[in-house]
Protein backbone atom coordinates (compact mmCIF):
# COMPACT_ATOMS: atom_id res chain seq x y z
CA UNK A 1 219.48 19.62 92.84
CA UNK A 2 219.43 22.13 90.00
CA UNK A 3 216.48 24.57 89.85
CA UNK A 4 213.74 23.94 87.32
CA UNK A 5 213.22 26.32 84.38
CA UNK A 6 211.59 29.43 85.74
CA UNK A 7 208.69 29.41 83.31
CA UNK A 8 207.48 25.99 84.55
CA UNK A 9 208.48 26.29 88.23
CA UNK A 10 205.02 26.57 89.80
CA UNK A 11 206.08 26.64 93.49
CA UNK A 12 209.05 28.96 93.99
CA UNK A 13 207.40 32.32 93.26
CA UNK A 14 204.34 31.83 95.53
CA UNK A 15 206.55 30.27 98.20
CA UNK A 16 208.78 33.34 98.15
CA UNK A 17 205.81 35.41 99.31
CA UNK A 18 204.90 32.86 102.00
CA UNK A 19 208.49 32.92 103.32
CA UNK A 20 208.34 36.71 103.45
CA UNK A 21 205.25 36.48 105.64
CA UNK A 22 206.93 33.97 107.95
CA UNK A 23 209.87 36.32 108.38
CA UNK A 24 207.55 39.23 109.09
CA UNK A 25 205.51 37.54 111.79
CA UNK A 26 208.68 36.19 113.43
CA UNK A 27 210.05 39.74 113.51
CA UNK A 28 206.81 41.21 114.86
CA UNK A 29 206.56 38.48 117.49
CA UNK A 30 210.02 39.32 118.82
CA UNK A 31 209.23 43.05 119.01
CA UNK A 32 205.72 42.92 120.50
CA UNK A 33 205.17 44.17 124.03
CA UNK A 34 202.50 41.76 125.28
CA UNK A 35 201.81 43.95 128.30
CA UNK A 36 200.54 46.65 125.96
CA UNK A 37 197.00 46.04 124.76
CA UNK A 38 197.45 47.95 121.50
CA UNK A 39 200.61 46.01 120.62
CA UNK A 40 198.91 42.74 121.56
CA UNK A 41 195.86 43.34 119.39
CA UNK A 42 197.87 44.72 116.47
CA UNK A 43 199.98 41.55 116.42
CA UNK A 44 196.95 39.25 116.48
CA UNK A 45 195.21 41.20 113.72
CA UNK A 46 198.35 41.01 111.61
CA UNK A 47 198.69 37.28 112.29
CA UNK A 48 195.07 36.71 111.37
CA UNK A 49 195.53 38.45 108.02
CA UNK A 50 198.78 36.55 107.39
CA UNK A 51 197.30 33.14 108.07
CA UNK A 52 194.27 33.93 105.93
CA UNK A 53 196.74 34.48 103.11
CA UNK A 54 198.43 31.17 103.95
CA UNK A 55 195.06 29.47 103.70
CA UNK A 56 194.26 31.18 100.42
CA UNK A 57 197.68 30.08 99.10
CA UNK A 58 197.09 26.44 99.94
CA UNK A 59 193.58 26.52 98.48
CA UNK A 60 195.07 27.73 95.21
CA UNK A 61 197.70 24.98 95.31
CA UNK A 62 195.04 22.36 96.01
CA UNK A 63 192.89 23.43 93.07
CA UNK A 64 195.45 24.38 90.45
CA UNK A 65 198.41 22.09 91.24
CA UNK A 66 197.81 19.14 93.59
CA UNK A 67 194.32 18.46 92.29
CA UNK A 68 195.52 18.33 88.69
CA UNK A 69 198.46 16.13 89.67
CA UNK A 70 196.11 13.69 91.41
CA UNK A 71 193.93 13.46 88.31
CA UNK A 72 196.87 12.93 86.00
CA UNK A 73 198.76 10.44 88.19
CA UNK A 74 195.61 8.81 89.64
CA UNK A 75 197.20 8.99 93.07
CA UNK A 76 195.92 10.73 96.22
CA UNK A 77 198.25 13.23 97.90
CA UNK A 78 197.24 14.52 101.34
CA UNK A 79 199.87 17.21 101.30
CA UNK A 80 197.65 19.85 102.95
CA UNK A 81 195.62 17.63 105.23
CA UNK A 82 197.52 18.49 108.42
CA UNK A 83 198.69 22.08 108.07
CA UNK A 84 196.97 23.41 111.21
CA UNK A 85 195.93 26.67 109.53
CA UNK A 86 192.34 26.54 110.77
CA UNK A 87 193.54 25.84 114.30
CA UNK A 88 195.89 28.82 114.18
CA UNK A 89 193.13 31.12 112.92
CA UNK A 90 190.90 29.95 115.77
CA UNK A 91 193.71 30.70 118.22
CA UNK A 92 194.02 34.28 116.95
CA UNK A 93 190.26 34.82 117.06
CA UNK A 94 190.16 33.53 120.62
CA UNK A 95 192.87 35.98 121.63
CA UNK A 96 191.08 38.94 120.04
CA UNK A 97 187.69 38.10 121.57
CA UNK A 98 188.43 36.57 124.95
CA UNK A 99 191.69 38.03 126.31
CA UNK A 100 190.74 41.01 128.45
CA UNK A 101 193.64 42.07 130.66
CA UNK A 102 197.41 42.12 130.94
CA UNK A 103 197.60 38.91 132.98
CA UNK A 104 195.62 37.01 130.34
CA UNK A 105 197.70 38.59 127.57
CA UNK A 106 200.96 37.34 129.09
CA UNK A 107 199.60 33.83 129.57
CA UNK A 108 198.25 33.83 126.03
CA UNK A 109 201.61 35.06 124.71
CA UNK A 110 203.37 31.96 126.00
CA UNK A 111 200.93 29.67 124.23
CA UNK A 112 201.06 31.80 121.08
CA UNK A 113 204.85 31.65 120.82
CA UNK A 114 204.88 27.89 121.27
CA UNK A 115 202.20 27.34 118.64
CA UNK A 116 203.85 29.69 116.15
CA UNK A 117 207.25 28.06 116.61
CA UNK A 118 205.73 24.64 116.02
CA UNK A 119 203.88 25.86 112.95
CA UNK A 120 207.01 27.46 111.49
CA UNK A 121 209.04 24.28 112.03
CA UNK A 122 206.52 22.38 109.94
CA UNK A 123 205.59 25.03 107.37
CA UNK A 124 209.03 25.79 105.91
CA UNK A 125 209.94 22.09 105.35
CA UNK A 126 206.44 21.60 103.92
CA UNK A 127 207.17 24.16 101.21
CA UNK A 128 210.59 22.67 100.55
CA UNK A 129 208.97 19.25 100.11
CA UNK A 130 206.60 20.64 97.52
CA UNK A 131 209.50 22.20 95.62
CA UNK A 132 211.68 19.08 95.73
CA UNK A 133 209.07 16.30 95.47
CA UNK A 134 206.00 17.57 93.68
CA UNK A 135 207.72 19.78 91.13
CA UNK A 136 209.61 16.78 89.64
CA UNK A 137 206.35 14.83 89.55
CA UNK A 138 204.71 17.68 87.68
CA UNK A 139 207.59 17.62 85.19
CA UNK A 140 206.92 13.93 84.69
CA UNK A 141 203.15 14.02 84.22
CA UNK A 142 202.69 17.35 82.39
CA UNK A 143 204.10 18.79 79.21
CA UNK A 144 206.19 21.93 79.14
CA UNK A 145 203.31 24.02 77.75
CA UNK A 146 200.85 22.60 80.28
CA UNK A 147 203.14 23.59 83.16
CA UNK A 148 203.56 27.09 81.74
CA UNK A 149 199.77 27.40 81.72
CA UNK A 150 199.49 26.05 85.28
CA UNK A 151 202.04 28.54 86.57
CA UNK A 152 200.27 31.38 84.80
CA UNK A 153 196.99 30.46 86.49
CA UNK A 154 198.61 30.04 89.91
CA UNK A 155 200.24 33.47 89.75
CA UNK A 156 197.04 35.07 88.45
CA UNK A 157 195.03 33.58 91.33
CA UNK A 158 197.48 34.88 93.91
CA UNK A 159 197.48 38.36 92.36
CA UNK A 160 193.69 38.51 92.16
CA UNK A 161 193.48 38.08 95.93
CA UNK A 162 196.02 40.80 96.71
CA UNK A 163 195.05 44.03 94.93
CA UNK A 164 195.29 47.02 97.28
CA UNK A 165 196.34 44.91 100.25
CA UNK A 166 199.47 43.92 98.33
CA UNK A 167 200.37 47.56 97.84
CA UNK A 168 199.96 48.20 101.54
CA UNK A 169 202.19 45.25 102.35
CA UNK A 170 204.69 46.50 99.81
CA UNK A 171 204.82 49.90 101.47
CA UNK A 172 205.31 48.43 104.92
CA UNK A 173 207.98 46.01 103.71
CA UNK A 174 209.88 48.50 101.57
CA UNK A 175 212.77 49.11 103.91
CA UNK A 176 213.15 45.44 104.78
CA UNK A 177 213.68 44.14 101.25
CA UNK A 178 217.41 43.62 101.55
CA UNK A 179 217.14 41.74 104.86
CA UNK A 180 214.41 39.48 103.51
CA UNK A 181 216.44 38.80 100.40
CA UNK A 182 219.41 37.66 102.46
CA UNK A 183 217.39 35.63 104.94
CA UNK A 184 215.05 33.85 102.57
CA UNK A 185 217.20 33.47 99.49
CA UNK A 186 216.11 30.33 97.71
CA UNK A 187 218.68 27.60 98.25
CA UNK A 188 219.67 25.10 95.61
CA UNK A 189 222.33 22.43 95.45
CA UNK A 190 225.61 23.21 93.78
CA UNK A 191 225.48 23.12 90.02
CA UNK A 192 227.71 21.00 87.91
CA UNK A 193 230.57 22.68 86.10
CA UNK A 194 228.66 22.36 82.85
CA UNK A 195 225.58 24.03 84.28
CA UNK A 196 227.73 26.82 85.67
CA UNK A 197 229.25 27.48 82.27
CA UNK A 198 225.82 27.65 80.66
CA UNK A 199 224.59 30.00 83.39
CA UNK A 200 227.53 32.35 82.94
CA UNK A 201 226.83 32.59 79.23
CA UNK A 202 223.12 33.28 79.67
CA UNK A 203 221.53 36.62 80.41
CA UNK A 204 218.47 37.27 82.54
CA UNK A 205 216.58 40.38 83.56
CA UNK A 206 218.79 40.73 86.64
CA UNK A 207 221.76 41.42 84.38
CA UNK A 208 220.20 44.40 82.61
CA UNK A 209 221.80 47.82 83.23
CA UNK A 210 220.07 50.01 85.86
CA UNK A 211 218.99 52.56 83.27
CA UNK A 212 217.23 49.83 81.28
CA UNK A 213 215.54 48.46 84.39
CA UNK A 214 214.46 51.98 85.32
CA UNK A 215 212.90 52.40 81.90
CA UNK A 216 210.99 49.14 82.39
CA UNK A 217 209.87 50.20 85.87
CA UNK A 218 208.50 53.45 84.44
CA UNK A 219 205.69 51.41 82.82
CA UNK A 220 204.59 49.93 86.17
CA UNK A 221 201.87 51.25 88.45
CA UNK A 222 202.41 51.83 92.21
CA UNK A 223 201.12 48.39 93.15
CA UNK A 224 203.51 46.71 90.74
CA UNK A 225 206.44 48.86 91.87
CA UNK A 226 205.90 47.78 95.46
CA UNK A 227 205.87 44.14 94.42
CA UNK A 228 209.11 44.63 92.50
CA UNK A 229 210.71 46.31 95.50
CA UNK A 230 210.40 43.00 97.38
CA UNK A 231 212.31 40.94 94.81
CA UNK A 232 215.84 42.02 95.73
CA UNK A 233 217.83 44.81 97.31
CA UNK A 234 218.81 46.04 93.84
CA UNK A 235 215.20 46.26 92.70
CA UNK A 236 214.25 47.85 96.00
CA UNK A 237 216.68 50.70 95.37
CA UNK A 238 215.48 51.13 91.79
CA UNK A 239 211.86 51.26 92.94
CA UNK A 240 212.79 54.20 95.18
CA UNK A 241 213.76 56.33 92.17
CA UNK A 242 211.94 59.64 92.39
CA UNK A 243 210.96 59.80 88.72
CA UNK A 244 208.68 56.79 89.28
CA UNK A 245 206.64 58.60 91.93
CA UNK A 246 205.94 62.02 90.40
CA UNK A 247 202.15 61.75 90.51
CA UNK A 248 200.28 60.49 93.57
CA UNK A 249 196.56 59.57 93.70
CA UNK A 250 196.13 57.69 97.01
CA UNK A 251 192.33 58.02 97.11
CA UNK A 252 192.01 56.31 93.73
CA UNK A 253 194.68 53.73 94.54
CA UNK A 254 192.87 52.64 97.69
CA UNK A 255 189.89 51.79 95.50
CA UNK A 256 191.75 49.83 92.85
CA UNK A 257 192.38 52.58 90.28
CA UNK A 258 196.17 52.60 89.79
CA UNK A 259 196.49 55.60 87.48
CA UNK A 260 199.77 57.43 88.12
CA UNK A 261 200.18 59.78 85.17
CA UNK A 262 199.93 63.59 84.96
CA UNK A 263 196.85 65.32 86.31
CA UNK A 264 195.90 67.01 83.00
CA UNK A 265 192.33 65.77 82.54
CA UNK A 266 191.80 64.34 86.02
CA UNK A 267 190.00 67.53 87.08
CA UNK A 268 186.80 66.47 85.36
CA UNK A 269 183.91 66.11 87.77
CA UNK A 270 183.55 62.54 89.11
CA UNK A 271 180.16 60.95 88.69
CA UNK A 272 177.49 61.19 91.36
CA UNK A 273 177.88 57.59 92.50
CA UNK A 274 181.63 58.02 93.09
CA UNK A 275 181.16 61.17 95.16
CA UNK A 276 178.28 59.62 97.13
CA UNK A 277 180.41 56.59 97.99
CA UNK A 278 183.24 58.82 99.24
CA UNK A 279 180.75 60.77 101.37
CA UNK A 280 179.31 57.56 102.85
CA UNK A 281 182.80 56.23 103.57
CA UNK A 282 183.87 59.44 105.29
CA UNK A 283 180.73 59.61 107.44
CA UNK A 284 180.92 55.93 108.43
CA UNK A 285 184.62 56.17 109.21
CA UNK A 286 184.22 59.23 111.43
CA UNK A 287 181.22 57.78 113.25
CA UNK A 288 183.10 54.54 113.84
CA UNK A 289 186.10 56.21 115.45
CA UNK A 290 188.27 58.70 113.64
CA UNK A 291 191.24 58.05 115.91
CA UNK A 292 190.92 54.27 116.17
CA UNK A 293 193.94 52.06 115.69
CA UNK A 294 194.15 50.32 112.35
CA UNK A 295 192.04 47.19 112.46
CA UNK A 296 192.82 44.54 109.86
CA UNK A 297 190.59 41.81 111.23
CA UNK A 298 188.20 40.10 108.84
CA UNK A 299 185.34 40.59 111.27
CA UNK A 300 185.78 44.36 111.22
CA UNK A 301 185.86 44.45 107.42
CA UNK A 302 182.61 42.52 107.21
CA UNK A 303 180.84 44.93 109.55
CA UNK A 304 181.11 47.83 107.14
CA UNK A 305 182.50 47.95 103.64
CA UNK A 306 182.65 51.74 103.86
CA UNK A 307 184.75 51.65 107.02
CA UNK A 308 186.99 49.00 105.54
CA UNK A 309 187.70 51.08 102.42
CA UNK A 310 188.40 54.17 104.51
CA UNK A 311 190.74 52.17 106.70
CA UNK A 312 192.51 50.91 103.59
CA UNK A 313 192.98 54.49 102.43
CA UNK A 314 194.30 55.51 105.83
CA UNK A 315 196.84 52.69 105.88
CA UNK A 316 197.95 53.56 102.35
CA UNK A 317 198.47 57.20 103.31
CA UNK A 318 200.51 56.18 106.35
CA UNK A 319 202.56 53.90 104.11
CA UNK A 320 203.31 56.71 101.69
CA UNK A 321 204.24 59.13 104.46
CA UNK A 322 206.55 56.82 106.37
CA UNK A 323 207.97 54.48 103.72
CA UNK A 324 207.93 56.21 100.33
CA UNK A 325 208.00 60.00 100.57
CA UNK A 326 211.17 60.19 102.72
CA UNK A 327 212.95 58.78 99.64
CA UNK A 328 211.06 60.29 96.69
CA UNK A 329 209.24 63.33 98.13
CA UNK A 330 211.38 65.92 96.38
CA UNK A 331 210.38 64.44 93.02
CA UNK A 332 206.63 64.51 93.62
CA UNK A 333 204.83 66.96 91.33
CA UNK A 334 201.18 65.94 91.71
CA UNK A 335 199.15 65.10 94.82
CA UNK A 336 195.41 64.48 94.46
CA UNK A 337 193.50 63.79 97.69
CA UNK A 338 190.11 65.02 96.47
CA UNK A 339 187.14 63.49 98.30
CA UNK A 340 189.39 61.55 100.67
CA UNK A 341 187.50 59.64 103.35
CA UNK A 342 190.39 59.40 105.80
CA UNK A 343 192.97 62.14 105.23
CA UNK A 344 193.62 64.46 108.17
CA UNK A 345 195.29 67.84 108.52
CA UNK A 346 198.25 66.12 110.16
CA UNK A 347 198.71 63.78 107.19
CA UNK A 348 198.57 66.66 104.71
CA UNK A 349 201.05 68.64 106.80
CA UNK A 350 203.49 65.71 106.81
CA UNK A 351 203.12 65.16 103.07
CA UNK A 352 203.64 68.84 102.21
CA UNK A 353 206.77 68.93 104.33
CA UNK A 354 208.19 65.98 102.37
CA UNK A 355 207.14 67.30 98.92
CA UNK A 356 208.61 70.80 98.49
CA UNK A 357 208.37 70.78 94.69
CA UNK A 358 204.65 70.18 94.29
CA UNK A 359 203.05 71.70 91.22
CA UNK A 360 199.51 70.30 91.47
CA UNK A 361 197.70 69.97 94.82
CA UNK A 362 194.03 68.96 94.98
CA UNK A 363 192.36 68.76 98.41
CA UNK A 364 188.77 69.11 97.18
CA UNK A 365 186.04 68.31 99.69
CA UNK A 366 188.39 67.16 102.46
CA UNK A 367 188.06 67.86 106.17
CA UNK A 368 191.37 69.69 106.52
CA UNK A 369 191.89 72.88 108.50
CA UNK A 370 194.48 75.66 108.48
CA UNK A 371 196.97 73.48 110.36
CA UNK A 372 197.38 71.34 107.24
CA UNK A 373 199.61 74.11 105.89
CA UNK A 374 201.83 74.51 108.94
CA UNK A 375 204.66 72.93 106.91
CA UNK A 376 204.59 76.00 104.69
CA UNK A 377 205.88 78.28 107.42
CA UNK A 378 208.96 79.60 105.63
CA UNK A 379 209.17 81.86 102.64
CA UNK A 380 209.25 80.21 99.22
CA UNK A 381 208.96 76.62 100.44
CA UNK A 382 206.65 75.70 97.54
CA UNK A 383 207.58 78.06 94.74
CA UNK A 384 206.61 75.64 91.97
CA UNK A 385 202.92 75.36 92.91
CA UNK A 386 200.74 75.97 89.83
CA UNK A 387 197.42 74.35 90.70
CA UNK A 388 195.72 74.54 94.11
CA UNK A 389 192.17 73.28 94.62
CA UNK A 390 190.61 73.74 98.07
CA UNK A 391 186.98 73.50 96.87
CA UNK A 392 184.65 72.51 99.69
CA UNK A 393 187.30 72.77 102.45
CA UNK A 394 184.96 74.60 104.81
CA UNK A 395 187.44 74.83 107.70
CA UNK A 396 189.94 76.87 105.69
CA UNK A 397 190.31 80.50 106.83
CA UNK A 398 192.53 83.48 106.07
CA UNK A 399 195.24 81.90 108.22
CA UNK A 400 195.73 79.18 105.59
CA UNK A 401 195.94 81.79 102.83
CA UNK A 402 198.68 83.60 104.74
CA UNK A 403 200.70 80.38 104.85
CA UNK A 404 200.02 79.62 101.20
CA UNK A 405 201.06 83.10 100.08
CA UNK A 406 204.23 82.79 102.13
CA UNK A 407 205.01 79.41 100.56
CA UNK A 408 204.67 80.83 97.04
CA UNK A 409 207.64 83.11 97.71
CA UNK A 410 208.46 86.62 96.50
CA UNK A 411 209.12 87.63 92.93
CA UNK A 412 212.67 88.80 92.34
CA UNK A 413 211.49 92.26 91.37
CA UNK A 414 209.58 92.60 94.65
CA UNK A 415 212.08 91.38 97.22
CA UNK A 416 212.65 94.98 98.26
CA UNK A 417 210.73 98.20 97.84
CA UNK A 418 206.98 98.65 97.52
CA UNK A 419 204.34 96.59 95.75
CA UNK A 420 201.55 98.96 94.72
CA UNK A 421 197.98 97.87 94.07
CA UNK A 422 194.90 99.90 93.25
CA UNK A 423 193.39 99.46 96.70
CA UNK A 424 196.05 98.96 99.31
CA UNK A 425 199.67 99.48 100.21
CA UNK A 426 202.19 96.81 101.28
CA UNK A 427 205.57 97.78 102.73
CA UNK A 428 208.72 95.90 103.64
CA UNK A 429 209.91 96.40 107.21
CA UNK A 430 210.95 94.45 110.26
CA UNK A 431 208.48 92.05 111.88
CA UNK A 432 206.59 93.45 114.85
CA UNK A 433 203.96 90.81 115.59
CA UNK A 434 201.71 91.97 112.76
CA UNK A 435 198.93 89.85 111.26
CA UNK A 436 201.14 88.86 108.35
CA UNK A 437 204.86 88.11 108.51
CA UNK A 438 207.08 86.46 105.94
CA UNK A 439 210.63 85.57 106.79
CA UNK A 440 212.97 85.98 103.83
CA UNK A 441 215.48 83.28 103.03
CA UNK A 442 218.05 85.96 102.29
CA UNK A 443 217.43 88.48 105.01
CA UNK A 444 215.46 88.81 108.25
CA UNK A 445 212.74 90.94 106.73
CA UNK A 446 208.99 90.44 106.41
CA UNK A 447 206.00 91.76 104.53
CA UNK A 448 203.45 93.28 106.86
CA UNK A 449 201.42 96.32 107.77
CA UNK A 450 198.56 95.84 105.38
CA UNK A 451 196.57 99.09 105.39
CA UNK A 452 193.00 99.38 104.17
CA UNK A 453 191.65 102.93 104.06
CA UNK A 454 188.23 102.57 102.56
CA UNK A 455 186.90 99.09 103.17
CA UNK A 456 185.45 99.21 106.70
CA UNK A 457 181.96 100.18 105.65
CA UNK A 458 181.92 97.87 102.64
CA UNK A 459 182.77 94.81 104.71
CA UNK A 460 179.96 95.51 107.14
CA UNK A 461 177.29 95.87 104.44
CA UNK A 462 178.51 92.96 102.33
CA UNK A 463 178.54 90.18 104.96
CA UNK A 464 176.50 87.20 103.83
CA UNK A 465 174.21 85.28 106.14
CA UNK A 466 175.50 81.88 107.25
CA UNK A 467 172.06 80.45 107.99
CA UNK A 468 171.58 79.25 104.44
CA UNK A 469 174.60 76.92 104.40
CA UNK A 470 173.54 73.60 102.86
CA UNK A 471 173.31 70.37 104.76
CA UNK A 472 172.59 68.08 101.82
CA UNK A 473 175.36 65.85 100.51
CA UNK A 474 173.89 65.61 97.00
CA UNK A 475 176.15 66.28 94.06
CA UNK A 476 175.95 69.75 92.47
CA UNK A 477 173.70 69.70 89.47
CA UNK A 478 175.90 72.28 87.84
CA UNK A 479 179.64 72.11 87.42
CA UNK A 480 181.05 71.90 90.94
CA UNK A 481 184.75 71.60 90.29
CA UNK A 482 186.80 74.11 88.40
CA UNK A 483 189.02 73.34 85.46
CA UNK A 484 191.97 74.78 83.61
CA UNK A 485 191.15 76.82 80.52
CA UNK A 486 190.71 74.70 77.40
CA UNK A 487 193.99 73.93 75.70
CA UNK A 488 196.01 74.70 78.82
CA UNK A 489 197.88 72.25 80.95
CA UNK A 490 200.63 72.44 83.51
CA UNK A 491 203.37 71.56 81.04
CA UNK A 492 202.47 74.08 78.35
CA UNK A 493 201.79 76.81 80.88
CA UNK A 494 205.07 76.17 82.62
CA UNK A 495 206.97 76.70 79.38
CA UNK A 496 205.51 80.19 79.11
CA UNK A 497 207.04 81.35 82.39
CA UNK A 498 210.09 83.57 82.46
CA UNK A 499 213.31 81.85 83.42
CA UNK A 500 214.27 84.99 85.33
CA UNK A 501 211.41 84.76 87.81
CA UNK A 502 210.87 82.06 90.41
CA UNK A 503 207.93 81.67 92.75
CA UNK A 504 204.32 82.82 92.63
CA UNK A 505 203.66 80.87 89.43
CA UNK A 506 200.16 79.80 90.48
CA UNK A 507 197.86 79.31 87.45
CA UNK A 508 194.77 77.83 89.10
CA UNK A 509 193.22 78.61 92.47
CA UNK A 510 189.84 77.40 93.71
CA UNK A 511 188.45 78.40 97.11
CA UNK A 512 184.90 77.44 96.15
CA UNK A 513 182.78 76.93 99.25
CA UNK A 514 185.48 78.22 101.64
CA UNK A 515 182.97 80.56 103.27
CA UNK A 516 185.28 81.66 106.10
CA UNK A 517 187.63 83.47 103.70
CA UNK A 518 187.50 87.28 104.00
CA UNK A 519 188.97 90.28 102.21
CA UNK A 520 191.98 90.01 104.47
CA UNK A 521 192.79 86.58 103.04
CA UNK A 522 192.43 87.85 99.47
CA UNK A 523 194.78 90.75 100.14
CA UNK A 524 197.35 88.40 101.64
CA UNK A 525 197.60 86.76 98.22
CA UNK A 526 198.71 90.07 96.69
CA UNK A 527 201.89 90.06 98.77
CA UNK A 528 205.28 89.34 97.26
CA UNK A 529 204.32 90.30 93.73
CA UNK A 530 200.72 89.13 93.59
CA UNK A 531 199.74 86.24 91.34
CA UNK A 532 200.98 87.43 87.94
CA UNK A 533 200.30 84.14 86.13
CA UNK A 534 196.93 83.26 87.67
CA UNK A 535 194.38 82.49 84.95
CA UNK A 536 191.68 80.63 86.87
CA UNK A 537 190.15 81.90 90.13
CA UNK A 538 187.05 80.42 91.78
CA UNK A 539 185.65 82.22 94.82
CA UNK A 540 182.12 80.83 94.56
CA UNK A 541 180.48 80.62 97.98
CA UNK A 542 183.05 82.90 99.66
CA UNK A 543 180.23 84.70 101.44
CA UNK A 544 182.12 87.35 103.39
CA UNK A 545 184.42 88.79 100.74
CA UNK A 546 183.50 92.17 99.24
CA UNK A 547 183.88 93.87 95.92
CA UNK A 548 186.74 95.89 97.35
CA UNK A 549 188.65 92.79 98.43
CA UNK A 550 188.04 91.17 95.05
CA UNK A 551 189.28 94.28 93.26
CA UNK A 552 192.50 94.32 95.29
CA UNK A 553 193.23 90.70 94.39
CA UNK A 554 192.27 91.05 90.72
CA UNK A 555 194.56 94.06 90.42
CA UNK A 556 197.46 91.77 91.38
CA UNK A 557 196.42 89.08 88.84
CA UNK A 558 197.09 90.61 85.40
CA UNK A 559 196.69 87.26 83.57
CA UNK A 560 193.26 86.41 84.99
CA UNK A 561 190.84 85.09 82.37
CA UNK A 562 187.32 86.39 83.00
CA UNK A 563 185.84 83.21 81.57
CA UNK A 564 187.44 81.33 84.48
CA UNK A 565 186.75 83.94 87.16
CA UNK A 566 183.91 82.92 89.51
CA UNK A 567 182.44 84.71 92.53
CA UNK A 568 179.11 85.22 94.28
CA UNK A 569 176.39 86.81 92.15
CA UNK A 570 175.37 89.01 95.08
CA UNK A 571 178.72 90.83 95.09
CA UNK A 572 179.22 93.95 93.02
CA UNK A 573 182.76 93.08 92.07
CA UNK A 574 185.28 93.60 89.28
CA UNK A 575 184.65 92.40 85.73
CA UNK A 576 180.97 91.97 86.62
CA UNK A 577 179.86 91.92 82.98
CA UNK A 578 182.44 89.37 81.80
CA UNK A 579 183.14 87.14 84.83
CA UNK A 580 181.39 83.76 84.93
CA UNK A 581 179.41 84.21 88.15
CA UNK A 582 178.95 81.70 90.96
CA UNK A 583 179.45 77.98 90.34
CA UNK A 584 177.71 76.90 93.53
CA UNK A 585 174.13 77.85 92.64
CA UNK A 586 171.80 74.92 93.39
CA UNK A 587 174.79 73.06 94.80
CA UNK A 588 173.92 70.55 97.50
CA UNK A 589 177.20 70.37 99.37
CA UNK A 590 179.13 73.64 98.96
CA UNK A 591 178.42 77.03 100.50
CA UNK A 592 176.39 79.52 98.49
CA UNK A 593 174.38 82.53 99.65
CA UNK A 594 171.48 81.41 97.46
CA UNK A 595 171.56 77.65 98.12
CA UNK A 596 168.20 75.98 97.83
CA UNK A 597 166.82 78.11 95.02
């Protein structure tokens, strides 16, 4: 039987997704170790989510296809009266709630396999029947335009129920697209010679050149790209093109905002409600169990919306790390994880290792520690970094700044010899277990032996009390996130850089609220040529730095714009008359020596 025109074929597209799910649970069933409790529960949770989607699918068919056909033909069709979906969902719930030990798991597994095999034997022919019996009836009782409208509504209903979950499925299925395509390819009877001739003369989207398809894909958001990757092996490969994944915003994606363009204006302060929701999600998620296995059960989602959203974000991050970045990581320019509820230092470390060409990194108000930058252990591993925002990352210390400075590389003119500053001396010599060591990619040499002749007394008198650190989670009433100077963006600033120099091109650095940073960390940033292009520096709430440490860093930042230079008002530092002061005054959730005034 020849296929029906695609624009009026209401069954094939939704059935393609259902067949994908059948293939997935069959694969998971064969790989599950039923003696392992985690494997057992993960399978049941996955099955529960899958069969909920089956049920949603059939509800849509009942309302938008079968119901309309019954009205038009005045005939009753009980096509979904015996599909056993509710019984299967009850079986999964019983397994999750009542099975307590390995013996019960193994007994349950036998019953589960039998029931799933029986369901699959019925479900696949059931879909084929709809395609071969009900589609012709629809063609008989409805006009061409009516069927186009029905299909449009059916697809819209399916998409409206997927949202972020569809993206997560797309990430997890990415590498299996070709196998699914081969296994579940829609079968049709042989065409007549005439039909074959017509087909050969026609052109569809699958015949477009790769460069044209890539141009079309460039208009799609991440959710849509993941859907396209499931269509065929060819589309799967195209969806893995690095240019489509240059800008990553997982925190926003997990909440339904699919923006994937440049970061330019994304630095603007989010509204109070958005920040409060992220704070609530993070607190609820950590209190629930920060290290818990991913739980996709409906019951868990109903218990706490905040936990559910944080779990969604965590799954999305895992999907990016394991299924996307190994293919496209070298093309990623922007990573924004600001206010993440679920990101960990380990996740950030894995991402940074896979994305060596990052230009814009925003980790604002995350719970990361120094270990997040362990990937940046070799010299010049992130020479393109232009924007780094660590505002509110209270666990960050000088150790992280050492790794960051190392990752920025060494300017060509400073790969040998001395780099002189107004306050300290840095020499090149062999590594001897000093506080700072940077291994060169060209020679086994390192920058070390940072000497400070006149800062001992200043550090002691300038230490700020830690007792005033805020506990409130309220949003800062004043500007709490730093921005690029007006009229500047990463693209225009990049064009101003010399082609002869590579590395240390940082334009924007915010350590606002990183109260564990000391003068030592600031001086580390002067290594390798300093920060010659830095225009924006925010050290608000860095309680233990001194004027001397600030002066040393500023001396290595000749492009610094005083209007975008922020530090504690209590410090007698450089450019005191023209710098912009502290941004954290009256701030409810970032460190400031005068919080609460």
